[in-house]
N, C-alpha and C. Protein backbone atom coordinates (compact mmCIF):
# COMPACT_ATOMS: atom_id res chain seq x y z
N MET A 1 -28.71 -51.91 0.19
CA MET A 1 -27.63 -52.60 0.91
C MET A 1 -26.27 -51.85 0.47
N GLY A 2 -25.39 -51.81 1.48
CA GLY A 2 -24.46 -51.35 1.45
C GLY A 2 -22.91 -51.95 0.51
N VAL A 3 -22.18 -51.06 0.09
CA VAL A 3 -21.25 -51.59 -0.56
C VAL A 3 -19.92 -51.49 0.68
N ILE A 4 -19.22 -52.88 0.73
CA ILE A 4 -18.13 -53.11 1.77
C ILE A 4 -16.89 -52.89 0.65
N VAL A 5 -15.83 -52.06 1.09
CA VAL A 5 -14.67 -51.70 0.62
C VAL A 5 -13.59 -51.96 1.60
N GLN A 6 -12.60 -52.88 1.31
CA GLN A 6 -11.44 -52.99 2.15
C GLN A 6 -10.37 -52.51 1.54
N PHE A 7 -9.95 -51.38 2.71
CA PHE A 7 -8.69 -50.51 2.30
C PHE A 7 -7.74 -51.60 2.73
N CYS A 8 -6.49 -51.89 2.32
CA CYS A 8 -5.26 -52.41 2.92
C CYS A 8 -4.08 -51.54 2.63
N GLY A 9 -2.94 -51.88 3.19
CA GLY A 9 -1.62 -50.82 3.24
C GLY A 9 -1.12 -50.80 4.29
N LEU A 10 0.20 -50.47 4.64
CA LEU A 10 1.08 -50.49 5.99
C LEU A 10 0.58 -49.37 6.77
N SER A 11 1.12 -49.58 7.85
CA SER A 11 0.50 -48.65 8.74
C SER A 11 1.10 -47.63 8.44
N GLY A 12 0.31 -46.31 8.57
CA GLY A 12 0.94 -45.01 8.37
C GLY A 12 0.65 -44.25 6.69
N SER A 13 0.09 -45.19 6.10
CA SER A 13 -0.07 -45.12 4.52
C SER A 13 -1.08 -44.42 3.94
N GLY A 14 -2.24 -44.18 5.11
CA GLY A 14 -3.21 -43.23 4.94
C GLY A 14 -4.40 -43.81 5.00
N LYS A 15 -4.88 -44.98 5.34
CA LYS A 15 -5.96 -45.86 5.14
C LYS A 15 -7.05 -44.88 5.80
N THR A 16 -6.79 -44.85 7.04
CA THR A 16 -7.79 -44.06 8.03
C THR A 16 -8.13 -42.64 7.91
N THR A 17 -7.05 -41.90 7.28
CA THR A 17 -7.09 -40.60 6.91
C THR A 17 -8.13 -40.50 5.69
N LEU A 18 -7.61 -41.17 4.86
CA LEU A 18 -8.90 -41.15 3.40
C LEU A 18 -10.05 -41.72 3.86
N ALA A 19 -10.41 -42.81 4.70
CA ALA A 19 -11.59 -43.17 5.05
C ALA A 19 -12.29 -42.26 5.83
N ASN A 20 -11.47 -41.44 6.79
CA ASN A 20 -12.25 -40.20 7.64
C ASN A 20 -12.67 -39.17 6.51
N ALA A 21 -12.01 -39.00 5.80
CA ALA A 21 -12.19 -37.85 4.59
C ALA A 21 -13.30 -38.22 3.91
N VAL A 22 -13.18 -39.58 3.23
CA VAL A 22 -14.74 -39.77 2.57
C VAL A 22 -15.85 -40.10 3.45
N PHE A 23 -15.69 -40.39 4.89
CA PHE A 23 -16.93 -40.29 5.58
C PHE A 23 -17.35 -38.85 5.63
N HIS A 24 -16.35 -37.88 5.95
CA HIS A 24 -17.12 -36.62 6.09
C HIS A 24 -17.60 -35.75 4.68
N GLN A 25 -16.86 -36.21 3.64
CA GLN A 25 -17.51 -35.60 2.20
C GLN A 25 -18.59 -36.39 1.96
N PHE A 26 -18.68 -37.78 2.07
CA PHE A 26 -20.11 -38.42 1.80
C PHE A 26 -21.28 -38.04 2.72
N GLU A 27 -20.84 -37.72 3.98
CA GLU A 27 -21.98 -37.54 4.69
C GLU A 27 -22.52 -36.00 4.67
N LYS A 28 -21.68 -35.04 4.11
CA LYS A 28 -22.41 -33.76 3.38
C LYS A 28 -23.17 -34.10 1.91
N GLU A 29 -22.84 -34.98 1.39
CA GLU A 29 -23.74 -35.44 0.23
C GLU A 29 -24.96 -36.38 0.69
N GLY A 30 -25.17 -36.47 1.87
CA GLY A 30 -25.92 -37.29 2.27
C GLY A 30 -26.05 -38.91 2.34
N LEU A 31 -24.82 -39.40 2.02
CA LEU A 31 -24.74 -40.67 2.01
C LEU A 31 -24.16 -41.10 3.70
N LYS A 32 -24.59 -42.51 4.02
CA LYS A 32 -24.41 -43.24 5.22
C LYS A 32 -23.13 -43.81 4.92
N VAL A 33 -21.91 -43.33 5.73
CA VAL A 33 -20.66 -44.23 5.62
C VAL A 33 -20.27 -44.66 7.14
N MET A 34 -19.86 -46.08 6.96
CA MET A 34 -19.23 -46.17 8.47
C MET A 34 -17.61 -46.91 8.11
N VAL A 35 -16.95 -46.16 8.97
CA VAL A 35 -15.51 -46.60 8.88
C VAL A 35 -15.30 -47.58 9.99
N LEU A 36 -14.50 -49.00 9.47
CA LEU A 36 -14.47 -49.70 10.52
C LEU A 36 -13.03 -49.72 10.90
N ASP A 37 -12.55 -49.37 11.66
CA ASP A 37 -10.83 -49.16 11.87
C ASP A 37 -10.25 -50.29 12.48
N GLY A 38 -9.12 -50.60 11.86
CA GLY A 38 -8.44 -51.64 12.45
C GLY A 38 -7.88 -51.51 13.72
N ASP A 39 -7.50 -50.12 13.97
CA ASP A 39 -6.76 -50.15 15.25
C ASP A 39 -7.86 -50.07 16.40
N HIS A 40 -9.03 -49.45 16.00
CA HIS A 40 -10.47 -49.48 17.09
C HIS A 40 -10.66 -51.07 17.38
N TYR A 41 -10.74 -51.75 16.27
CA TYR A 41 -11.31 -53.12 16.75
C TYR A 41 -10.25 -53.93 17.38
N ARG A 42 -9.26 -53.44 17.23
CA ARG A 42 -7.81 -54.16 17.98
C ARG A 42 -7.94 -54.42 19.61
N LEU A 43 -8.58 -52.98 20.00
CA LEU A 43 -8.76 -52.74 21.07
C LEU A 43 -10.44 -53.56 21.82
N THR A 44 -10.96 -53.84 20.67
CA THR A 44 -12.69 -54.29 21.16
C THR A 44 -12.77 -55.66 20.99
N LEU A 45 -13.39 -55.80 19.48
CA LEU A 45 -13.56 -56.66 19.05
C LEU A 45 -12.62 -57.94 18.86
N CYS A 46 -11.71 -57.41 18.80
CA CYS A 46 -10.46 -58.55 18.64
C CYS A 46 -9.48 -58.30 19.60
N LYS A 47 -9.70 -57.80 20.81
CA LYS A 47 -8.63 -57.83 21.80
C LYS A 47 -7.79 -58.79 21.85
N ASP A 48 -8.48 -60.21 21.96
CA ASP A 48 -7.94 -61.37 22.35
C ASP A 48 -7.01 -62.07 21.26
N LEU A 49 -6.73 -61.22 20.10
CA LEU A 49 -5.73 -61.76 18.95
C LEU A 49 -4.31 -61.01 19.29
N GLY A 50 -3.55 -61.85 18.70
CA GLY A 50 -2.10 -61.39 18.90
C GLY A 50 -1.62 -60.98 17.30
N PHE A 51 -0.80 -61.13 16.89
CA PHE A 51 -0.23 -61.15 15.17
C PHE A 51 0.39 -62.17 14.73
N SER A 52 0.15 -63.28 15.08
CA SER A 52 0.51 -64.39 14.24
C SER A 52 -0.29 -64.22 12.80
N LYS A 53 -0.01 -64.95 12.12
CA LYS A 53 -0.98 -65.21 10.76
C LYS A 53 -2.31 -65.60 10.91
N ALA A 54 -2.50 -66.49 11.70
CA ALA A 54 -3.82 -66.82 11.98
C ALA A 54 -4.52 -65.84 12.62
N ASP A 55 -4.03 -65.20 13.42
CA ASP A 55 -4.53 -64.23 14.26
C ASP A 55 -4.94 -62.78 13.46
N ARG A 56 -4.18 -62.58 12.59
CA ARG A 56 -4.44 -61.56 11.67
C ARG A 56 -5.39 -61.80 10.60
N LEU A 57 -5.34 -63.05 10.21
CA LEU A 57 -6.50 -63.50 9.08
C LEU A 57 -7.99 -63.38 10.09
N GLU A 58 -8.12 -63.87 11.45
CA GLU A 58 -9.23 -63.97 12.07
C GLU A 58 -9.63 -62.51 12.44
N ASN A 59 -8.54 -61.59 12.67
CA ASN A 59 -9.10 -60.16 12.81
C ASN A 59 -9.61 -59.67 11.94
N VAL A 60 -9.24 -59.78 10.72
CA VAL A 60 -9.85 -59.20 9.36
C VAL A 60 -11.27 -59.77 9.33
N ARG A 61 -11.32 -61.31 9.39
CA ARG A 61 -12.74 -61.94 9.37
C ARG A 61 -13.85 -61.38 10.14
N ARG A 62 -13.21 -60.98 11.15
CA ARG A 62 -14.11 -60.62 12.20
C ARG A 62 -14.53 -59.12 11.87
N ILE A 63 -13.83 -58.42 11.50
CA ILE A 63 -14.22 -57.04 11.13
C ILE A 63 -15.06 -57.03 10.06
N ALA A 64 -14.79 -58.14 8.78
CA ALA A 64 -15.50 -58.04 7.58
C ALA A 64 -16.81 -58.76 7.95
N ALA A 65 -17.12 -59.42 8.95
CA ALA A 65 -18.30 -60.33 9.53
C ALA A 65 -19.07 -59.07 10.14
N GLU A 66 -18.37 -58.21 10.97
CA GLU A 66 -19.36 -56.81 11.73
C GLU A 66 -19.87 -56.19 10.48
N ALA A 67 -18.99 -55.83 9.38
CA ALA A 67 -19.53 -54.90 8.26
C ALA A 67 -20.90 -55.54 7.98
N GLU A 68 -20.45 -56.91 7.77
CA GLU A 68 -21.71 -57.62 6.87
C GLU A 68 -23.10 -57.37 7.86
N LYS A 69 -23.03 -57.40 8.94
CA LYS A 69 -24.21 -57.32 10.07
C LYS A 69 -24.78 -55.87 9.65
N LEU A 70 -23.98 -54.94 9.56
CA LEU A 70 -24.34 -53.80 9.45
C LEU A 70 -24.43 -52.93 8.14
N ARG A 71 -24.21 -53.91 7.13
CA ARG A 71 -24.27 -53.64 5.81
C ARG A 71 -26.00 -52.99 5.33
N SER A 72 -27.06 -53.49 5.85
CA SER A 72 -27.89 -52.79 5.50
C SER A 72 -28.48 -51.34 5.99
N GLN A 73 -27.72 -50.93 6.55
CA GLN A 73 -27.96 -49.61 7.29
C GLN A 73 -27.09 -48.49 6.63
N TYR A 74 -26.24 -48.99 5.69
CA TYR A 74 -25.04 -47.94 5.34
C TYR A 74 -25.03 -48.03 3.58
N ASP A 75 -24.74 -46.99 2.95
CA ASP A 75 -24.27 -46.79 1.64
C ASP A 75 -22.56 -47.47 1.41
N VAL A 76 -21.99 -46.93 2.52
CA VAL A 76 -20.64 -47.63 2.22
C VAL A 76 -20.33 -47.80 3.50
N LEU A 77 -19.36 -49.07 3.39
CA LEU A 77 -18.84 -49.41 4.59
C LEU A 77 -17.14 -49.75 4.49
N ILE A 78 -16.34 -49.04 5.01
CA ILE A 78 -14.73 -49.14 4.68
C ILE A 78 -14.12 -49.50 5.86
N LEU A 79 -13.62 -51.11 5.40
CA LEU A 79 -12.53 -51.71 6.41
C LEU A 79 -10.85 -50.85 6.39
N SER A 80 -10.83 -50.47 7.20
CA SER A 80 -9.40 -49.83 7.25
C SER A 80 -8.29 -50.33 8.37
N ILE A 81 -8.10 -51.43 7.34
CA ILE A 81 -7.28 -52.37 7.95
C ILE A 81 -5.94 -52.68 7.26
N ILE A 82 -4.79 -53.23 7.76
CA ILE A 82 -3.62 -53.59 7.27
C ILE A 82 -3.62 -54.63 6.42
N ASN A 83 -4.61 -55.65 6.80
CA ASN A 83 -5.02 -56.70 6.01
C ASN A 83 -3.98 -57.22 5.16
N PRO A 84 -2.91 -57.80 5.72
CA PRO A 84 -1.49 -57.89 4.85
C PRO A 84 -1.41 -59.38 4.00
N PHE A 85 -2.24 -60.31 4.33
CA PHE A 85 -2.33 -61.49 3.44
C PHE A 85 -3.35 -61.39 2.31
N GLU A 86 -3.17 -61.74 1.24
CA GLU A 86 -3.79 -61.67 -0.06
C GLU A 86 -4.91 -63.14 0.31
N ILE A 87 -4.50 -63.99 0.84
CA ILE A 87 -5.55 -65.26 1.23
C ILE A 87 -6.84 -64.60 1.99
N GLY A 88 -6.39 -63.28 2.67
CA GLY A 88 -7.61 -62.72 3.67
C GLY A 88 -8.34 -62.03 2.84
N ARG A 89 -7.51 -61.10 2.11
CA ARG A 89 -8.25 -60.09 1.28
C ARG A 89 -9.09 -60.87 0.36
N ASN A 90 -8.77 -61.87 -0.31
CA ASN A 90 -9.57 -62.75 -1.19
C ASN A 90 -11.05 -63.34 -0.41
N HIS A 91 -10.66 -63.71 0.64
CA HIS A 91 -11.76 -64.58 1.30
C HIS A 91 -12.85 -63.45 1.59
N ILE A 92 -12.59 -62.15 1.97
CA ILE A 92 -13.56 -61.20 2.16
C ILE A 92 -14.07 -60.32 0.71
N ARG A 93 -13.23 -60.40 -0.20
CA ARG A 93 -13.47 -60.01 -1.46
C ARG A 93 -14.73 -61.03 -2.09
N LEU A 94 -14.43 -62.35 -1.62
CA LEU A 94 -15.75 -63.32 -2.31
C LEU A 94 -16.73 -63.66 -1.39
N THR A 95 -16.54 -63.50 -0.02
CA THR A 95 -17.34 -63.90 0.82
C THR A 95 -18.52 -62.78 0.92
N HIS A 96 -17.82 -61.39 0.96
CA HIS A 96 -18.68 -60.21 1.08
C HIS A 96 -18.85 -59.31 0.01
N GLN A 97 -18.11 -59.72 -0.90
CA GLN A 97 -18.22 -58.90 -2.48
C GLN A 97 -17.42 -57.54 -2.06
N ALA A 98 -16.44 -57.54 -1.41
CA ALA A 98 -15.66 -56.46 -0.86
C ALA A 98 -14.70 -56.09 -1.90
N GLU A 99 -14.70 -55.09 -2.38
CA GLU A 99 -13.57 -54.52 -3.36
C GLU A 99 -12.33 -54.39 -2.63
N VAL A 100 -11.23 -54.43 -3.48
CA VAL A 100 -9.96 -54.15 -2.38
C VAL A 100 -9.21 -52.99 -3.05
N VAL A 101 -9.02 -51.93 -2.12
CA VAL A 101 -8.53 -50.70 -2.36
C VAL A 101 -6.97 -50.79 -1.82
N TRP A 102 -5.95 -50.69 -2.37
CA TRP A 102 -4.70 -50.61 -1.74
C TRP A 102 -4.16 -49.21 -1.70
N ILE A 103 -4.05 -48.95 -0.35
CA ILE A 103 -3.33 -47.52 -0.17
C ILE A 103 -1.68 -47.74 0.09
N LYS A 104 -1.25 -47.30 -1.22
CA LYS A 104 0.13 -47.80 -1.27
C LYS A 104 1.27 -46.82 -0.88
N CYS A 105 2.00 -47.04 -0.25
CA CYS A 105 3.16 -45.83 0.14
C CYS A 105 4.39 -46.44 0.47
N GLU A 106 5.51 -46.14 -0.28
CA GLU A 106 6.79 -46.29 -0.07
C GLU A 106 7.19 -46.83 1.41
N LEU A 107 7.99 -47.12 1.43
CA LEU A 107 8.65 -47.45 2.90
C LEU A 107 9.17 -46.58 3.14
N GLU A 108 10.36 -45.65 2.52
CA GLU A 108 10.87 -44.61 2.79
C GLU A 108 9.79 -43.54 3.45
N THR A 109 8.74 -43.46 2.45
CA THR A 109 7.88 -42.01 3.44
C THR A 109 7.27 -42.90 4.19
N LEU A 110 6.80 -43.96 4.81
CA LEU A 110 6.45 -44.28 5.87
C LEU A 110 7.18 -43.98 7.17
N ILE A 111 8.65 -44.18 6.72
CA ILE A 111 9.80 -44.38 8.01
C ILE A 111 9.56 -42.81 8.32
N LYS A 112 9.35 -41.74 7.25
CA LYS A 112 9.55 -40.23 7.49
C LYS A 112 8.17 -39.93 8.16
N ARG A 113 7.28 -40.57 7.98
CA ARG A 113 5.80 -40.23 8.52
C ARG A 113 5.69 -40.54 9.97
N ASP A 114 6.03 -42.12 10.08
CA ASP A 114 6.09 -42.67 11.43
C ASP A 114 5.26 -42.26 12.45
N THR A 115 3.85 -42.13 12.19
CA THR A 115 2.84 -41.19 12.99
C THR A 115 2.56 -41.89 14.30
N LYS A 116 3.08 -43.37 14.27
CA LYS A 116 2.97 -44.09 15.60
C LYS A 116 4.22 -44.56 16.43
N GLY A 117 5.11 -44.08 15.68
CA GLY A 117 6.64 -44.51 16.04
C GLY A 117 6.93 -46.05 15.97
N LEU A 118 6.01 -46.71 15.23
CA LEU A 118 6.28 -48.10 14.91
C LEU A 118 7.62 -48.02 14.18
N TYR A 119 7.90 -47.72 13.00
CA TYR A 119 8.96 -47.79 12.24
C TYR A 119 10.17 -47.70 12.94
N TYR A 120 10.38 -46.72 13.97
CA TYR A 120 11.40 -46.65 14.69
C TYR A 120 11.62 -47.50 15.44
N LYS A 121 10.69 -48.12 16.13
CA LYS A 121 10.70 -49.55 17.27
C LYS A 121 11.17 -50.64 16.29
N ALA A 122 10.66 -50.86 15.26
CA ALA A 122 10.97 -52.06 14.47
C ALA A 122 12.28 -51.96 13.99
N MET A 123 12.96 -50.88 13.66
CA MET A 123 14.15 -50.97 13.09
C MET A 123 15.46 -50.62 14.52
N LEU A 124 14.84 -50.83 15.71
CA LEU A 124 15.89 -50.89 16.83
C LEU A 124 16.58 -52.00 16.70
N PRO A 125 17.59 -52.14 17.33
CA PRO A 125 18.60 -53.33 17.30
C PRO A 125 18.01 -54.62 17.99
N ASP A 126 18.13 -55.91 17.52
CA ASP A 126 17.66 -57.23 18.11
C ASP A 126 17.69 -56.89 19.66
N LYS A 127 16.85 -57.26 20.36
CA LYS A 127 17.01 -57.58 21.97
C LYS A 127 16.98 -56.25 22.47
N HIS A 128 16.63 -55.20 21.92
CA HIS A 128 16.41 -53.86 22.44
C HIS A 128 14.89 -53.87 23.05
N LEU A 129 14.68 -53.42 24.16
CA LEU A 129 13.51 -53.35 25.14
C LEU A 129 12.38 -53.31 24.10
N GLU A 130 12.26 -52.02 23.49
CA GLU A 130 11.11 -51.43 22.80
C GLU A 130 11.07 -52.09 21.37
N LYS A 131 11.82 -52.88 20.95
CA LYS A 131 12.02 -53.44 19.55
C LYS A 131 10.52 -54.27 19.27
N ILE A 132 9.97 -53.63 18.14
CA ILE A 132 9.09 -54.24 17.73
C ILE A 132 9.12 -55.76 16.71
N TYR A 133 8.96 -56.82 16.81
CA TYR A 133 9.47 -57.82 15.91
C TYR A 133 8.28 -58.17 14.73
N ASN A 134 7.19 -57.45 14.79
CA ASN A 134 6.02 -58.15 13.96
C ASN A 134 5.44 -56.89 13.32
N LEU A 135 5.98 -55.82 12.67
CA LEU A 135 5.79 -54.81 12.11
C LEU A 135 5.82 -55.21 10.61
N THR A 136 4.59 -55.11 9.90
CA THR A 136 3.85 -55.51 8.67
C THR A 136 4.74 -54.55 7.70
N GLY A 137 5.43 -55.42 6.79
CA GLY A 137 6.20 -54.48 5.92
C GLY A 137 7.73 -54.26 5.78
N VAL A 138 8.05 -54.53 7.20
CA VAL A 138 9.43 -54.16 7.75
C VAL A 138 10.02 -55.62 8.17
N ASN A 139 9.29 -56.23 9.39
CA ASN A 139 9.78 -57.76 9.57
C ASN A 139 9.00 -58.55 10.01
N ASP A 140 7.76 -58.39 9.20
CA ASP A 140 6.50 -59.30 9.05
C ASP A 140 5.87 -59.22 7.48
N THR A 141 5.27 -60.24 7.17
CA THR A 141 4.85 -60.14 5.72
C THR A 141 3.91 -59.07 5.43
N PHE A 142 3.80 -58.48 4.40
CA PHE A 142 2.79 -57.59 3.56
C PHE A 142 2.66 -58.48 1.93
N ASP A 143 1.77 -59.25 1.62
CA ASP A 143 1.35 -59.62 0.24
C ASP A 143 0.80 -58.48 -0.74
N ALA A 144 1.63 -58.06 -1.46
CA ALA A 144 1.28 -57.03 -2.55
C ALA A 144 -0.14 -57.34 -2.89
N PRO A 145 -1.16 -56.54 -2.91
CA PRO A 145 -2.30 -57.34 -3.48
C PRO A 145 -2.44 -57.33 -4.84
N ASP A 146 -2.82 -58.87 -5.38
CA ASP A 146 -3.06 -59.11 -6.83
C ASP A 146 -4.21 -58.55 -7.34
N LYS A 147 -5.16 -58.18 -6.77
CA LYS A 147 -6.60 -57.89 -7.08
C LYS A 147 -7.27 -57.04 -6.96
N ALA A 148 -6.42 -56.06 -6.41
CA ALA A 148 -6.99 -54.64 -6.05
C ALA A 148 -7.81 -53.89 -7.05
N ALA A 149 -8.95 -53.28 -6.75
CA ALA A 149 -9.80 -52.94 -7.92
C ALA A 149 -9.09 -51.40 -7.99
N LEU A 150 -8.59 -51.03 -7.34
CA LEU A 150 -7.95 -49.44 -6.92
C LEU A 150 -6.79 -49.48 -6.29
N VAL A 151 -5.78 -48.62 -6.78
CA VAL A 151 -4.43 -48.60 -6.08
C VAL A 151 -4.37 -47.14 -5.89
N ILE A 152 -4.19 -46.58 -4.69
CA ILE A 152 -4.05 -45.22 -4.52
C ILE A 152 -2.50 -45.11 -3.97
N GLU A 153 -1.64 -44.22 -4.55
CA GLU A 153 -0.33 -44.31 -4.12
C GLU A 153 -0.29 -42.86 -3.63
N THR A 154 -0.24 -42.82 -2.00
CA THR A 154 -0.16 -41.87 -1.13
C THR A 154 1.53 -41.13 -1.18
N THR A 155 2.29 -41.76 -1.83
CA THR A 155 3.69 -41.33 -1.92
C THR A 155 3.83 -40.40 -2.85
N ARG A 156 3.15 -40.54 -4.08
CA ARG A 156 3.04 -39.62 -5.19
C ARG A 156 2.24 -38.71 -5.44
N SER A 157 0.94 -38.77 -4.93
CA SER A 157 -0.29 -38.12 -5.12
C SER A 157 -0.58 -37.26 -3.73
N SER A 158 -1.06 -36.26 -4.18
CA SER A 158 -1.49 -35.28 -2.99
C SER A 158 -2.67 -35.81 -2.44
N PRO A 159 -2.76 -35.59 -1.20
CA PRO A 159 -4.17 -35.78 -0.69
C PRO A 159 -5.32 -35.75 -1.28
N LYS A 160 -5.44 -34.44 -1.75
CA LYS A 160 -6.67 -34.32 -2.51
C LYS A 160 -7.16 -35.03 -3.78
N VAL A 161 -5.91 -35.29 -4.74
CA VAL A 161 -5.83 -35.96 -5.70
C VAL A 161 -6.15 -37.72 -5.00
N CYS A 162 -5.67 -38.13 -4.29
CA CYS A 162 -6.03 -39.23 -3.42
C CYS A 162 -7.43 -39.60 -3.36
N LEU A 163 -7.83 -38.30 -2.54
CA LEU A 163 -9.33 -38.64 -1.97
C LEU A 163 -9.92 -38.46 -3.51
N ASP A 164 -9.86 -37.55 -4.47
CA ASP A 164 -10.79 -37.53 -5.80
C ASP A 164 -10.82 -38.96 -6.20
N GLN A 165 -9.69 -39.43 -6.48
CA GLN A 165 -9.44 -41.02 -7.16
C GLN A 165 -10.72 -41.78 -6.12
N LEU A 166 -10.29 -41.51 -5.07
CA LEU A 166 -11.31 -42.68 -4.10
C LEU A 166 -12.85 -42.48 -3.96
N THR A 167 -13.30 -41.24 -4.30
CA THR A 167 -14.37 -40.87 -4.15
C THR A 167 -15.29 -41.37 -5.70
N PHE A 168 -14.57 -40.72 -6.52
CA PHE A 168 -14.85 -41.17 -7.68
C PHE A 168 -15.37 -42.66 -7.89
N PHE A 169 -14.20 -43.60 -7.59
CA PHE A 169 -14.29 -45.19 -7.17
C PHE A 169 -15.44 -45.38 -6.81
N LEU A 170 -15.53 -44.96 -5.34
CA LEU A 170 -16.94 -45.30 -4.45
C LEU A 170 -18.03 -44.99 -4.95
N LYS A 171 -18.02 -44.07 -5.70
CA LYS A 171 -19.35 -43.52 -6.19
C LYS A 171 -19.97 -44.47 -7.11
N GLN A 172 -18.81 -44.93 -8.13
CA GLN A 172 -19.02 -45.98 -9.27
C GLN A 172 -19.84 -47.28 -8.49
N CYS A 173 -18.86 -47.58 -7.43
CA CYS A 173 -19.37 -48.95 -6.55
C CYS A 173 -20.77 -48.86 -6.05
N ILE A 174 -21.18 -47.84 -5.66
CA ILE A 174 -22.49 -47.39 -5.28
C ILE A 174 -23.55 -47.29 -6.27
N ARG A 175 -23.24 -46.99 -7.61
CA ARG A 175 -24.22 -47.07 -8.48
C ARG A 175 -24.29 -48.47 -9.14
N GLN A 176 -23.24 -49.09 -9.45
CA GLN A 176 -23.15 -50.15 -9.66
C GLN A 176 -22.73 -51.56 -8.75
N PRO A 177 -23.30 -52.06 -7.77
CA PRO A 177 -22.83 -53.08 -6.85
C PRO A 177 -22.61 -54.13 -7.36
N ARG A 178 -21.83 -55.08 -6.87
CA ARG A 178 -21.78 -56.31 -7.53
C ARG A 178 -22.72 -57.41 -7.34
C-alpha cells in the first residue's frame, strides 16, 4: 500500500520540481512513484472548479480521492498542490493518512522566480485587464501549515539539499507507514 504525501506551498515554491526530482530518483531505485500535479488536474478532473474557498477545497479533495484509488499500485503518491487551507490539508491528512510537506519559499524569491508570470499579474494595478485577483499568498489566503511533518525552505537551501531532505523523509514514510 503506497504512501500519500501532500506537498503544499505557493506557486513557484518548487513543489512540482521536487516531486519530479523524487520521481526520477526513486524510479532509478526501483520504486514506483506517481506525481499528481495540481496544474494538470485543474485542466482535467477539476476543470469545472474556480478559485473560491469551496472550489479550492473540492479541488484538493478530488485529487486526494484519485490518489487513494491508485494507492495500491505505487510506493509513493505525491500530491503537488498549493492546498492553501489548513482545513483541507487536515482533511486529507486524516482521511488518507497523508503527511504534509510544506515547500516554503519567501514571497520575494517567488516574485523574482515568477515562472508563470502570476506574481507580476497579481501586482498589477486594480482594474488592469490582466490583473489576477486570486493568487494564493498575494491577494488570496494561504494558511501556514500547523501540522507539517516536514518543512523544506527552497529560499534558503540548494535544490540538492532540498531533494536530500525530501528523499530521506519519504524513505522513512515508506519504511514506517502510518
